Amino acid sequence: MPRICEFFGIVIRMYYNDHAPPHFHAEYAEREAVYEIESLETPRGRLPRRAHALVVEWTTLHRAELRDNWIKAREGMVLERIEPLD
């Protein structure tokens, strides 16, 4: 599963040919959560409050790039790296 971004100890990944709805995986320490790109719902897993807030902020800034990467992942193309939070 390709890493598309890393910031403040959080790793963002996206699987190839993953199931709908469009989503990504966020890992922090030993925790993982799945975030839906459009709604920011977390159907599986949970991150600590601060890490969750950072993922929500990052997603809001990069939603269009996440959508593009989702399409690329579904087509088996190379995913683009996305800028981290500063």
N, C-alpha and C. Protein backbone atom coordinates (compact mmCIF):
# COMPACT_ATOMS: atom_id res chain seq x y z
N MET A 1 0.86 -1.18 0.00
CA MET A 1 0.00 0.00 0.00
C MET A 1 0.89 1.23 0.00
N PRO A 2 0.81 2.06 -1.03
CA PRO A 2 1.68 3.23 -1.14
C PRO A 2 1.42 4.30 -0.08
N ARG A 3 2.52 4.86 0.42
CA ARG A 3 2.43 6.04 1.28
C ARG A 3 2.28 7.25 0.38
N ILE A 4 1.28 8.06 0.68
CA ILE A 4 1.12 9.27 -0.13
C ILE A 4 1.49 10.53 0.64
N CYS A 5 1.62 10.40 1.98
CA CYS A 5 2.01 11.55 2.78
C CYS A 5 2.40 11.10 4.18
N GLU A 6 3.26 11.90 4.82
CA GLU A 6 3.64 11.68 6.20
C GLU A 6 3.80 13.04 6.87
N PHE A 7 3.24 13.21 8.06
CA PHE A 7 3.40 14.45 8.81
C PHE A 7 3.14 14.18 10.29
N PHE A 8 3.94 14.76 11.13
CA PHE A 8 3.80 14.67 12.59
C PHE A 8 3.59 13.23 13.08
N GLY A 9 4.29 12.30 12.46
CA GLY A 9 4.19 10.90 12.86
C GLY A 9 2.99 10.17 12.28
N ILE A 10 2.20 10.84 11.47
CA ILE A 10 1.02 10.24 10.83
C ILE A 10 1.41 9.82 9.42
N VAL A 11 1.05 8.60 9.05
CA VAL A 11 1.30 8.10 7.70
C VAL A 11 -0.03 7.91 7.00
N ILE A 12 -0.14 8.46 5.80
CA ILE A 12 -1.35 8.35 4.99
C ILE A 12 -1.05 7.39 3.84
N ARG A 13 -1.92 6.38 3.69
CA ARG A 13 -1.76 5.37 2.64
C ARG A 13 -3.07 5.20 1.88
N MET A 14 -2.93 4.66 0.66
CA MET A 14 -4.11 4.35 -0.14
C MET A 14 -3.84 3.03 -0.86
N TYR A 15 -4.78 2.09 -0.76
CA TYR A 15 -4.65 0.80 -1.43
C TYR A 15 -5.03 0.91 -2.90
N TYR A 16 -4.43 0.04 -3.72
CA TYR A 16 -4.86 -0.11 -5.10
C TYR A 16 -6.11 -0.98 -5.12
N ASN A 17 -7.04 -0.66 -6.01
CA ASN A 17 -8.27 -1.44 -6.17
C ASN A 17 -9.03 -1.67 -4.88
N ASP A 18 -9.05 -0.69 -4.00
CA ASP A 18 -9.77 -0.81 -2.74
C ASP A 18 -11.27 -0.60 -2.99
N HIS A 19 -12.07 -1.00 -2.04
CA HIS A 19 -13.53 -0.91 -2.15
C HIS A 19 -14.00 0.54 -2.01
N ALA A 20 -15.18 0.80 -2.55
CA ALA A 20 -15.82 2.11 -2.40
C ALA A 20 -16.43 2.19 -1.00
N PRO A 21 -16.70 3.36 -0.49
CA PRO A 21 -16.50 4.69 -1.07
C PRO A 21 -15.02 5.09 -1.03
N PRO A 22 -14.66 6.13 -1.80
CA PRO A 22 -13.28 6.59 -1.81
C PRO A 22 -12.79 6.93 -0.40
N HIS A 23 -11.63 6.39 -0.06
CA HIS A 23 -11.11 6.57 1.30
C HIS A 23 -9.60 6.40 1.32
N PHE A 24 -9.01 6.68 2.48
CA PHE A 24 -7.58 6.44 2.70
C PHE A 24 -7.40 5.93 4.11
N HIS A 25 -6.21 5.42 4.38
CA HIS A 25 -5.87 4.87 5.69
C HIS A 25 -4.87 5.80 6.35
N ALA A 26 -5.11 6.13 7.60
CA ALA A 26 -4.19 6.97 8.38
C ALA A 26 -3.67 6.14 9.55
N GLU A 27 -2.36 6.15 9.73
CA GLU A 27 -1.74 5.41 10.83
C GLU A 27 -0.98 6.38 11.73
N TYR A 28 -1.10 6.16 13.01
CA TYR A 28 -0.36 6.96 13.98
C TYR A 28 0.00 6.03 15.13
N ALA A 29 1.31 5.90 15.39
CA ALA A 29 1.81 4.95 16.39
C ALA A 29 1.27 3.57 16.01
N GLU A 30 0.56 2.93 16.90
CA GLU A 30 0.04 1.60 16.61
C GLU A 30 -1.45 1.63 16.26
N ARG A 31 -1.97 2.81 16.00
CA ARG A 31 -3.39 2.97 15.70
C ARG A 31 -3.58 3.23 14.21
N GLU A 32 -4.75 2.82 13.70
CA GLU A 32 -5.09 3.06 12.31
C GLU A 32 -6.57 3.39 12.21
N ALA A 33 -6.90 4.27 11.25
CA ALA A 33 -8.29 4.60 10.98
C ALA A 33 -8.46 4.77 9.48
N VAL A 34 -9.65 4.46 9.01
CA VAL A 34 -10.01 4.66 7.61
C VAL A 34 -10.88 5.91 7.54
N TYR A 35 -10.53 6.82 6.64
CA TYR A 35 -11.27 8.08 6.47
C TYR A 35 -11.88 8.14 5.08
N GLU A 36 -13.18 8.38 5.01
CA GLU A 36 -13.82 8.61 3.72
C GLU A 36 -13.45 10.01 3.25
N ILE A 37 -13.06 10.13 2.00
CA ILE A 37 -12.56 11.39 1.47
C ILE A 37 -13.61 12.49 1.50
N GLU A 38 -14.82 12.20 1.09
CA GLU A 38 -15.84 13.25 0.98
C GLU A 38 -16.43 13.65 2.33
N SER A 39 -16.76 12.67 3.15
CA SER A 39 -17.49 12.97 4.39
C SER A 39 -16.60 13.06 5.62
N LEU A 40 -15.37 12.55 5.53
CA LEU A 40 -14.44 12.45 6.66
C LEU A 40 -14.95 11.51 7.75
N GLU A 41 -15.95 10.69 7.43
CA GLU A 41 -16.39 9.67 8.38
C GLU A 41 -15.28 8.64 8.54
N THR A 42 -15.24 8.01 9.70
CA THR A 42 -14.25 6.97 9.97
C THR A 42 -14.99 5.66 10.25
N PRO A 43 -15.27 4.89 9.19
CA PRO A 43 -16.03 3.66 9.36
C PRO A 43 -15.27 2.56 10.11
N ARG A 44 -13.94 2.70 10.18
CA ARG A 44 -13.15 1.68 10.86
C ARG A 44 -11.95 2.31 11.54
N GLY A 45 -11.71 1.95 12.76
CA GLY A 45 -10.54 2.41 13.50
C GLY A 45 -10.75 3.76 14.14
N ARG A 46 -9.70 4.18 14.85
CA ARG A 46 -9.76 5.47 15.53
C ARG A 46 -8.35 5.93 15.87
N LEU A 47 -8.09 7.21 15.68
CA LEU A 47 -6.82 7.81 16.06
C LEU A 47 -7.01 8.64 17.31
N PRO A 48 -5.93 8.92 18.03
CA PRO A 48 -6.04 9.85 19.16
C PRO A 48 -6.58 11.20 18.68
N ARG A 49 -7.21 11.93 19.58
CA ARG A 49 -7.90 13.18 19.23
C ARG A 49 -7.02 14.15 18.43
N ARG A 50 -5.80 14.40 18.89
CA ARG A 50 -4.92 15.36 18.20
C ARG A 50 -4.56 14.87 16.80
N ALA A 51 -4.21 13.60 16.67
CA ALA A 51 -3.87 13.04 15.35
C ALA A 51 -5.08 13.11 14.43
N HIS A 52 -6.25 12.80 14.95
CA HIS A 52 -7.49 12.87 14.15
C HIS A 52 -7.70 14.30 13.64
N ALA A 53 -7.53 15.29 14.50
CA ALA A 53 -7.72 16.69 14.11
C ALA A 53 -6.74 17.08 13.00
N LEU A 54 -5.51 16.61 13.09
CA LEU A 54 -4.52 16.91 12.05
C LEU A 54 -4.90 16.26 10.73
N VAL A 55 -5.40 15.03 10.77
CA VAL A 55 -5.82 14.34 9.54
C VAL A 55 -7.01 15.08 8.92
N VAL A 56 -7.95 15.51 9.72
CA VAL A 56 -9.10 16.26 9.20
C VAL A 56 -8.64 17.56 8.55
N GLU A 57 -7.74 18.28 9.20
CA GLU A 57 -7.22 19.53 8.63
C GLU A 57 -6.52 19.27 7.30
N TRP A 58 -5.65 18.25 7.28
CA TRP A 58 -4.90 17.91 6.07
C TRP A 58 -5.85 17.52 4.94
N THR A 59 -6.84 16.70 5.25
CA THR A 59 -7.79 16.24 4.23
C THR A 59 -8.55 17.42 3.63
N THR A 60 -8.97 18.34 4.46
CA THR A 60 -9.70 19.51 3.99
C THR A 60 -8.87 20.31 2.98
N LEU A 61 -7.57 20.39 3.23
CA LEU A 61 -6.67 21.13 2.34
C LEU A 61 -6.36 20.38 1.04
N HIS A 62 -6.46 19.07 1.06
CA HIS A 62 -5.98 18.25 -0.07
C HIS A 62 -7.03 17.30 -0.63
N ARG A 63 -8.29 17.62 -0.45
CA ARG A 63 -9.36 16.72 -0.90
C ARG A 63 -9.30 16.45 -2.41
N ALA A 64 -9.04 17.46 -3.22
CA ALA A 64 -8.98 17.25 -4.68
C ALA A 64 -7.85 16.30 -5.05
N GLU A 65 -6.71 16.44 -4.41
CA GLU A 65 -5.58 15.54 -4.69
C GLU A 65 -5.89 14.12 -4.24
N LEU A 66 -6.60 13.98 -3.13
CA LEU A 66 -7.01 12.65 -2.67
C LEU A 66 -7.97 12.00 -3.66
N ARG A 67 -8.90 12.79 -4.18
CA ARG A 67 -9.82 12.27 -5.20
C ARG A 67 -9.04 11.78 -6.42
N ASP A 68 -8.09 12.59 -6.88
CA ASP A 68 -7.27 12.21 -8.04
C ASP A 68 -6.50 10.92 -7.77
N ASN A 69 -5.91 10.81 -6.59
CA ASN A 69 -5.17 9.60 -6.25
C ASN A 69 -6.09 8.39 -6.17
N TRP A 70 -7.31 8.57 -5.69
CA TRP A 70 -8.26 7.46 -5.63
C TRP A 70 -8.51 6.91 -7.04
N ILE A 71 -8.73 7.82 -7.98
CA ILE A 71 -8.96 7.40 -9.37
C ILE A 71 -7.73 6.68 -9.90
N LYS A 72 -6.55 7.21 -9.65
CA LYS A 72 -5.32 6.56 -10.10
C LYS A 72 -5.16 5.18 -9.48
N ALA A 73 -5.46 5.06 -8.19
CA ALA A 73 -5.34 3.77 -7.51
C ALA A 73 -6.29 2.75 -8.12
N ARG A 74 -7.50 3.16 -8.43
CA ARG A 74 -8.48 2.26 -9.04
C ARG A 74 -8.03 1.79 -10.42
N GLU A 75 -7.22 2.63 -11.10
CA GLU A 75 -6.73 2.29 -12.44
C GLU A 75 -5.34 1.66 -12.40
N GLY A 76 -4.79 1.45 -11.19
CA GLY A 76 -3.48 0.82 -11.06
C GLY A 76 -2.31 1.72 -11.44
N MET A 77 -2.53 3.02 -11.43
CA MET A 77 -1.48 3.98 -11.79
C MET A 77 -0.67 4.37 -10.56
N VAL A 78 0.48 4.97 -10.80
CA VAL A 78 1.33 5.44 -9.72
C VAL A 78 0.63 6.61 -9.01
N LEU A 79 0.62 6.57 -7.68
CA LEU A 79 -0.02 7.63 -6.91
C LEU A 79 0.94 8.78 -6.68
N GLU A 80 0.38 9.97 -6.62
CA GLU A 80 1.16 11.18 -6.38
C GLU A 80 1.34 11.40 -4.88
N ARG A 81 2.50 11.88 -4.50
CA ARG A 81 2.72 12.31 -3.11
C ARG A 81 1.94 13.59 -2.90
N ILE A 82 1.44 13.77 -1.69
CA ILE A 82 0.68 14.97 -1.34
C ILE A 82 1.45 15.70 -0.25
N GLU A 83 1.48 17.01 -0.33
CA GLU A 83 2.21 17.83 0.62
C GLU A 83 1.72 17.59 2.05
N PRO A 84 2.64 17.52 3.00
CA PRO A 84 2.24 17.35 4.40
C PRO A 84 1.84 18.68 5.03
N LEU A 85 1.27 18.59 6.22
CA LEU A 85 1.04 19.79 7.01
C LEU A 85 2.39 20.29 7.51
N ASP A 86 2.50 21.61 7.65
CA ASP A 86 3.74 22.18 8.19
C ASP A 86 3.64 22.35 9.68
